[in-house]
Amino acid sequence: MDKLIVINMTVYSHNNVNYTSEEDIMKIHFFGTCAGTEPMPNRKHVSFAIEKDKELYWFDAGEGCSYTAHLMGLDLMSISNIFISHSHMDHVGGLGNLLWNIRKLDSLTGDMAGKSVDVYLANNKTWDGLMLLLSQTEGGFKTNFSLNRKEVHDGEIYKKNGFSVTALHNTHLGVPDDGKWMSFSYRIEAEGRSIVFSGDLGSLSDIDSLIENCDLLLMETGHFKPEDVCNYIKDKNIGTLGFIHNGRYILNNKEQELATAKKNLGDKVFIAEDGMTMEI
């Protein structure tokens, strides 16, 4: 693990509504960093976005993600794509509200006219249920923009404006009888950087082919001990490890788990927090 990228970490209060991004630099904003637990202080379920060229590329949509993002000062109407790893509630529980809030903000400004929002989601039933739910809101959820569901499959699923996303199925939901995988991990390439989001995994080896030579690995700890993750990747060519979708080990003893991780990896590891912004 001899790669290193420089990451400038800044934590913004949720009350910092005046935060805007003026620099032409890629950023990661964390809206939720918790695994699928009961409500926890200062942590909502997993969700983050990568900001590039004033656009937001959104990954997973746990509870309250749009609320947190808006109060961080981010423009929800700059979202062009949403990528969902799988349909468990801690990953999609805030998706309906995210789309509703985009529509609500657009009703005040009209800035979304003629634009589109694409949602990459493997599960047809989740999408159909979400659309049915939203159709029951005011005006039948008529929008000023197009809303499109996109299929997720192994391989490159998105490439535009110097930003690409490659999906790889994982075994978090088991091996499907019909060959239709429903849980995915993602590798993002942009600005000469590579970021891997594990999603939820069945085995650490699920992402072996994605993490090679990646600059930043955002790894879930809801199903694995952080120390086991560190031991697994320490001989792999990964720049920085960030813990996200954090489970009991980190929630119950964050400082000790971080200290143990740093013994293995030095300063190339951090624990993501709700409301955190990182420049990369």
Protein backbone atom coordinates (compact mmCIF):
# COMPACT_ATOMS: atom_id res chain seq x y z
CA MET A 1 0.00 0.00 0.00
CA ASP A 2 2.51 2.59 -1.19
CA LYS A 3 0.21 5.03 -2.98
CA LEU A 4 -0.75 8.29 -1.32
CA ILE A 5 -3.06 11.08 -2.37
CA VAL A 6 -3.38 14.36 -0.57
CA ILE A 7 -6.82 14.84 0.90
CA ASN A 8 -7.79 18.12 2.56
CA MET A 9 -10.55 17.37 5.04
CA THR A 10 -12.99 20.07 6.10
CA VAL A 11 -15.99 19.46 8.33
CA TYR A 12 -18.94 21.78 7.80
CA SER A 13 -21.73 22.27 10.31
CA HIS A 14 -25.20 21.38 9.07
CA ASN A 15 -26.13 24.96 9.91
CA ASN A 16 -23.53 26.35 7.50
CA VAL A 17 -26.05 27.19 4.81
CA ASN A 18 -23.70 29.65 3.10
CA TYR A 19 -21.19 27.00 2.03
CA THR A 20 -20.58 27.01 -1.72
CA SER A 21 -17.88 25.47 -3.86
CA GLU A 22 -15.95 28.09 -5.80
CA GLU A 23 -12.75 26.20 -6.48
CA ASP A 24 -12.37 24.12 -9.62
CA ILE A 25 -11.52 20.99 -7.65
CA MET A 26 -13.24 17.68 -7.07
CA LYS A 27 -14.90 17.20 -3.69
CA ILE A 28 -16.70 14.46 -1.79
CA HIS A 29 -19.59 15.39 0.49
CA PHE A 30 -20.80 12.90 3.09
CA PHE A 31 -24.48 13.12 4.05
CA GLY A 32 -24.85 9.83 5.90
CA THR A 33 -22.17 7.49 7.21
CA CYS A 34 -24.09 4.97 9.32
CA ALA A 35 -24.94 1.34 8.60
CA GLY A 36 -28.50 0.08 8.88
CA THR A 37 -28.86 0.63 12.60
CA GLU A 38 -31.57 2.18 14.70
CA PRO A 39 -31.31 6.01 14.77
CA MET A 40 -27.91 7.13 16.01
CA PRO A 41 -26.81 10.57 17.25
CA ASN A 42 -25.17 12.64 14.52
CA ARG A 43 -25.26 9.81 11.95
CA LYS A 44 -27.81 9.06 9.26
CA HIS A 45 -27.77 6.13 6.86
CA VAL A 46 -25.27 6.03 4.04
CA SER A 47 -25.18 8.64 1.29
CA PHE A 48 -22.53 10.83 -0.33
CA ALA A 49 -21.93 12.83 -3.50
CA ILE A 50 -18.92 13.65 -5.61
CA GLU A 51 -18.85 17.22 -6.86
CA LYS A 52 -17.12 17.94 -10.16
CA ASP A 53 -17.53 20.95 -12.43
CA LYS A 54 -20.48 22.17 -10.34
CA GLU A 55 -22.36 18.90 -10.82
CA LEU A 56 -23.23 16.41 -8.09
CA TYR A 57 -22.92 12.67 -8.73
CA TRP A 58 -24.93 11.07 -5.93
CA PHE A 59 -24.25 7.64 -4.43
CA ASP A 60 -26.86 5.90 -2.28
CA ALA A 61 -29.65 7.80 -0.58
CA GLY A 62 -30.09 6.95 3.08
CA GLU A 63 -32.55 8.75 5.33
CA GLY A 64 -32.38 12.54 5.35
CA CYS A 65 -29.62 12.79 2.74
CA SER A 66 -31.23 15.67 0.86
CA TYR A 67 -31.98 17.52 4.10
CA THR A 68 -28.33 17.32 5.15
CA ALA A 69 -27.03 18.26 1.70
CA HIS A 70 -29.31 21.27 1.42
CA LEU A 71 -28.33 22.59 4.85
CA MET A 72 -24.66 22.13 3.91
CA GLY A 73 -25.35 24.65 1.16
CA LEU A 74 -25.27 22.26 -1.78
CA ASP A 75 -27.54 22.79 -4.77
CA LEU A 76 -29.76 19.73 -5.15
CA MET A 77 -30.69 20.91 -8.62
CA SER A 78 -27.10 20.31 -9.73
CA ILE A 79 -27.66 16.54 -9.45
CA SER A 80 -27.52 14.84 -12.82
CA ASN A 81 -27.11 11.20 -11.78
CA ILE A 82 -27.91 9.05 -8.75
CA PHE A 83 -26.22 5.66 -8.31
CA ILE A 84 -27.79 3.17 -5.88
CA SER A 85 -25.77 0.17 -4.69
CA HIS A 86 -28.80 -1.94 -3.66
CA SER A 87 -32.34 -1.58 -2.40
CA HIS A 88 -32.00 -2.05 1.36
CA MET A 89 -33.71 0.73 3.30
CA ASP A 90 -30.50 2.22 4.71
CA HIS A 91 -29.42 2.86 1.09
CA VAL A 92 -32.71 4.03 -0.47
CA GLY A 93 -34.76 5.31 2.48
CA GLY A 94 -34.14 8.93 1.50
CA LEU A 95 -34.41 8.52 -2.28
CA GLY A 96 -38.07 9.51 -2.57
CA ASN A 97 -37.52 12.58 -0.43
CA LEU A 98 -34.42 13.50 -2.46
CA LEU A 99 -36.43 13.51 -5.69
CA TRP A 100 -39.29 15.32 -3.96
CA ASN A 101 -36.93 18.02 -2.67
CA ILE A 102 -35.42 18.54 -6.12
CA ARG A 103 -38.95 19.09 -7.41
CA LYS A 104 -39.80 21.37 -4.47
CA LEU A 105 -36.74 23.57 -5.02
CA ASP A 106 -37.42 23.66 -8.76
CA SER A 107 -40.95 24.91 -8.04
CA LEU A 108 -39.32 27.98 -6.45
CA THR A 109 -36.80 28.68 -9.21
CA GLY A 110 -37.70 26.78 -12.39
CA ASP A 111 -34.00 26.00 -12.85
CA MET A 112 -34.65 22.33 -13.68
CA ALA A 113 -36.69 23.06 -16.81
CA GLY A 114 -35.62 20.72 -19.60
CA LYS A 115 -33.04 18.92 -17.48
CA SER A 116 -32.98 15.24 -16.56
CA VAL A 117 -32.10 13.20 -13.50
CA ASP A 118 -31.01 9.61 -14.10
CA VAL A 119 -31.29 7.04 -11.31
CA TYR A 120 -29.12 3.94 -11.67
CA LEU A 121 -30.90 1.17 -9.81
CA ALA A 122 -30.89 -2.60 -10.34
CA ASN A 123 -34.21 -3.44 -8.71
CA ASN A 124 -37.32 -2.88 -10.84
CA LYS A 125 -39.68 -3.34 -7.88
CA THR A 126 -37.98 -0.61 -5.88
CA TRP A 127 -38.28 1.82 -8.77
CA ASP A 128 -41.92 0.96 -9.48
CA GLY A 129 -42.81 1.27 -5.79
CA LEU A 130 -41.04 4.60 -5.51
CA MET A 131 -42.83 6.02 -8.53
CA LEU A 132 -46.17 4.82 -7.18
CA LEU A 133 -45.46 6.48 -3.84
CA LEU A 134 -44.39 9.77 -5.41
CA SER A 135 -47.42 9.78 -7.70
CA GLN A 136 -49.62 10.14 -4.62
CA THR A 137 -48.07 13.48 -3.67
CA GLU A 138 -49.39 16.89 -4.74
CA GLY A 139 -49.98 17.26 -8.48
CA GLY A 140 -49.24 13.59 -9.04
CA PHE A 141 -45.54 14.47 -8.83
CA LYS A 142 -45.59 16.23 -12.17
CA THR A 143 -42.10 17.58 -12.79
CA ASN A 144 -40.45 20.27 -14.87
CA PHE A 145 -37.66 17.81 -15.68
CA SER A 146 -37.35 14.23 -16.85
CA LEU A 147 -36.73 11.47 -14.32
CA ASN A 148 -35.26 8.27 -15.74
CA ARG A 149 -34.43 4.90 -14.29
CA LYS A 150 -31.21 3.39 -15.68
CA GLU A 151 -30.14 -0.25 -15.50
CA VAL A 152 -27.13 -1.34 -13.43
CA HIS A 153 -24.97 -4.15 -14.79
CA ASP A 154 -21.37 -5.27 -14.64
CA GLY A 155 -19.04 -2.96 -16.53
CA GLU A 156 -19.03 0.73 -17.35
CA ILE A 157 -22.52 2.17 -16.85
CA TYR A 158 -21.77 5.88 -17.16
CA LYS A 159 -19.19 8.01 -18.96
CA LYS A 160 -19.59 11.69 -19.70
CA ASN A 161 -17.69 14.93 -19.20
CA GLY A 162 -14.62 13.21 -17.84
CA PHE A 163 -16.56 11.26 -15.19
CA SER A 164 -17.08 7.50 -15.43
CA VAL A 165 -18.67 4.86 -13.23
CA THR A 166 -18.00 1.14 -13.49
CA ALA A 167 -20.23 -1.33 -11.63
CA LEU A 168 -19.35 -4.77 -10.29
CA HIS A 169 -21.86 -7.11 -8.68
CA ASN A 170 -21.18 -8.38 -5.17
CA THR A 171 -22.57 -11.18 -3.00
CA HIS A 172 -24.18 -9.05 -0.28
CA LEU A 173 -27.64 -10.31 -1.33
CA GLY A 174 -26.40 -13.77 -2.22
CA VAL A 175 -26.06 -15.41 -5.61
CA PRO A 176 -29.28 -14.97 -7.62
CA ASP A 177 -30.96 -18.04 -9.09
CA ASP A 178 -31.95 -16.11 -12.20
CA GLY A 179 -28.55 -14.47 -12.76
CA LYS A 180 -29.99 -11.01 -12.03
CA TRP A 181 -27.59 -9.37 -9.56
CA MET A 182 -29.15 -6.85 -7.19
CA SER A 183 -26.18 -5.51 -5.24
CA PHE A 184 -23.25 -3.61 -6.75
CA SER A 185 -20.01 -1.86 -5.91
CA TYR A 186 -18.79 1.13 -7.93
CA ARG A 187 -15.48 2.46 -9.22
CA ILE A 188 -15.46 6.15 -10.12
CA GLU A 189 -12.83 7.70 -12.39
CA ALA A 190 -12.47 11.48 -12.72
CA GLU A 191 -9.77 14.14 -12.79
CA GLY A 192 -7.09 11.46 -12.83
CA ARG A 193 -8.43 10.03 -9.58
CA SER A 194 -10.06 6.68 -8.88
CA ILE A 195 -12.54 6.15 -6.06
CA VAL A 196 -14.14 2.83 -5.13
CA PHE A 197 -17.36 2.64 -3.12
CA SER A 198 -17.80 -0.85 -1.76
CA GLY A 199 -21.53 -0.68 -1.14
CA ASP A 200 -22.42 -3.61 1.13
CA LEU A 201 -20.44 -6.80 0.56
CA GLY A 202 -20.85 -10.49 1.17
CA SER A 203 -17.08 -10.98 1.20
CA LEU A 204 -14.11 -8.64 1.17
CA SER A 205 -12.89 -10.39 -1.97
CA ASP A 206 -16.00 -9.17 -3.85
CA ILE A 207 -14.18 -5.96 -4.78
CA ASP A 208 -10.71 -7.33 -5.55
CA SER A 209 -10.87 -6.40 -9.23
CA LEU A 210 -12.19 -2.89 -8.53
CA ILE A 211 -9.71 -1.69 -5.92
CA GLU A 212 -6.45 -2.30 -7.77
CA ASN A 213 -4.57 1.01 -8.07
CA CYS A 214 -7.43 3.04 -6.61
CA ASP A 215 -6.66 6.33 -4.90
CA LEU A 216 -9.51 6.18 -2.39
CA LEU A 217 -11.50 3.21 -1.11
CA LEU A 218 -14.74 4.03 0.69
CA MET A 219 -15.33 0.80 2.58
CA GLU A 220 -18.33 -0.32 4.57
CA THR A 221 -17.86 -1.53 8.15
CA GLY A 222 -21.43 -2.61 8.76
CA HIS A 223 -20.53 -6.24 8.05
CA PHE A 224 -16.78 -6.35 8.72
CA LYS A 225 -14.42 -5.41 11.53
CA PRO A 226 -12.36 -2.35 10.56
CA GLU A 227 -9.19 -4.16 11.61
CA ASP A 228 -10.01 -7.06 9.28
CA VAL A 229 -10.50 -4.59 6.42
CA CYS A 230 -7.11 -3.01 7.14
CA ASN A 231 -5.38 -6.39 7.24
CA TYR A 232 -7.03 -7.40 3.98
CA ILE A 233 -6.00 -4.34 1.98
CA LYS A 234 -2.66 -3.39 3.53
CA ASP A 235 -0.68 -5.19 0.83
CA LYS A 236 -2.87 -3.89 -1.99
CA ASN A 237 -2.10 -0.80 -4.05
CA ILE A 238 -4.64 1.57 -2.48
CA GLY A 239 -3.99 5.22 -1.68
CA THR A 240 -6.36 6.07 1.18
CA LEU A 241 -8.99 4.07 3.06
CA GLY A 242 -12.17 5.73 4.31
CA PHE A 243 -14.66 3.91 6.52
CA ILE A 244 -18.31 4.54 5.63
CA HIS A 245 -21.62 2.70 6.31
CA ASN A 246 -20.20 2.36 9.80
CA GLY A 247 -21.42 -0.42 12.06
CA ARG A 248 -21.20 -1.25 15.76
CA TYR A 249 -17.43 -1.48 16.00
CA ILE A 250 -16.97 2.14 14.96
CA LEU A 251 -20.22 3.45 16.42
CA ASN A 252 -19.39 2.04 19.85
CA ASN A 253 -15.68 2.88 19.97
CA LYS A 254 -14.65 5.19 17.16
CA GLU A 255 -11.38 6.46 18.64
CA GLN A 256 -10.07 3.00 19.48
CA GLU A 257 -10.97 1.60 16.06
CA LEU A 258 -9.31 4.54 14.30
CA ALA A 259 -6.16 4.15 16.41
CA THR A 260 -6.01 0.44 15.60
CA ALA A 261 -6.48 1.15 11.90
CA LYS A 262 -3.70 3.74 11.92
CA LYS A 263 -1.33 1.22 13.47
CA ASN A 264 -1.85 -0.83 10.32
CA LEU A 265 -2.06 1.90 7.69
CA GLY A 266 -0.69 5.08 9.23
CA ASP A 267 -2.39 8.31 8.20
CA LYS A 268 -3.85 6.72 5.07
CA VAL A 269 -7.12 5.95 6.87
CA PHE A 270 -10.04 7.99 8.20
CA ILE A 271 -13.61 7.55 9.43
CA ALA A 272 -16.20 9.48 7.41
CA GLU A 273 -18.58 11.71 9.36
CA ASP A 274 -21.95 13.18 8.43
CA GLY A 275 -21.49 16.70 7.11
CA MET A 276 -17.85 16.18 6.13
CA THR A 277 -16.45 17.57 2.89
CA MET A 278 -13.15 16.35 1.46
CA GLU A 279 -11.20 17.92 -1.37
CA ILE A 280 -9.39 15.49 -3.60
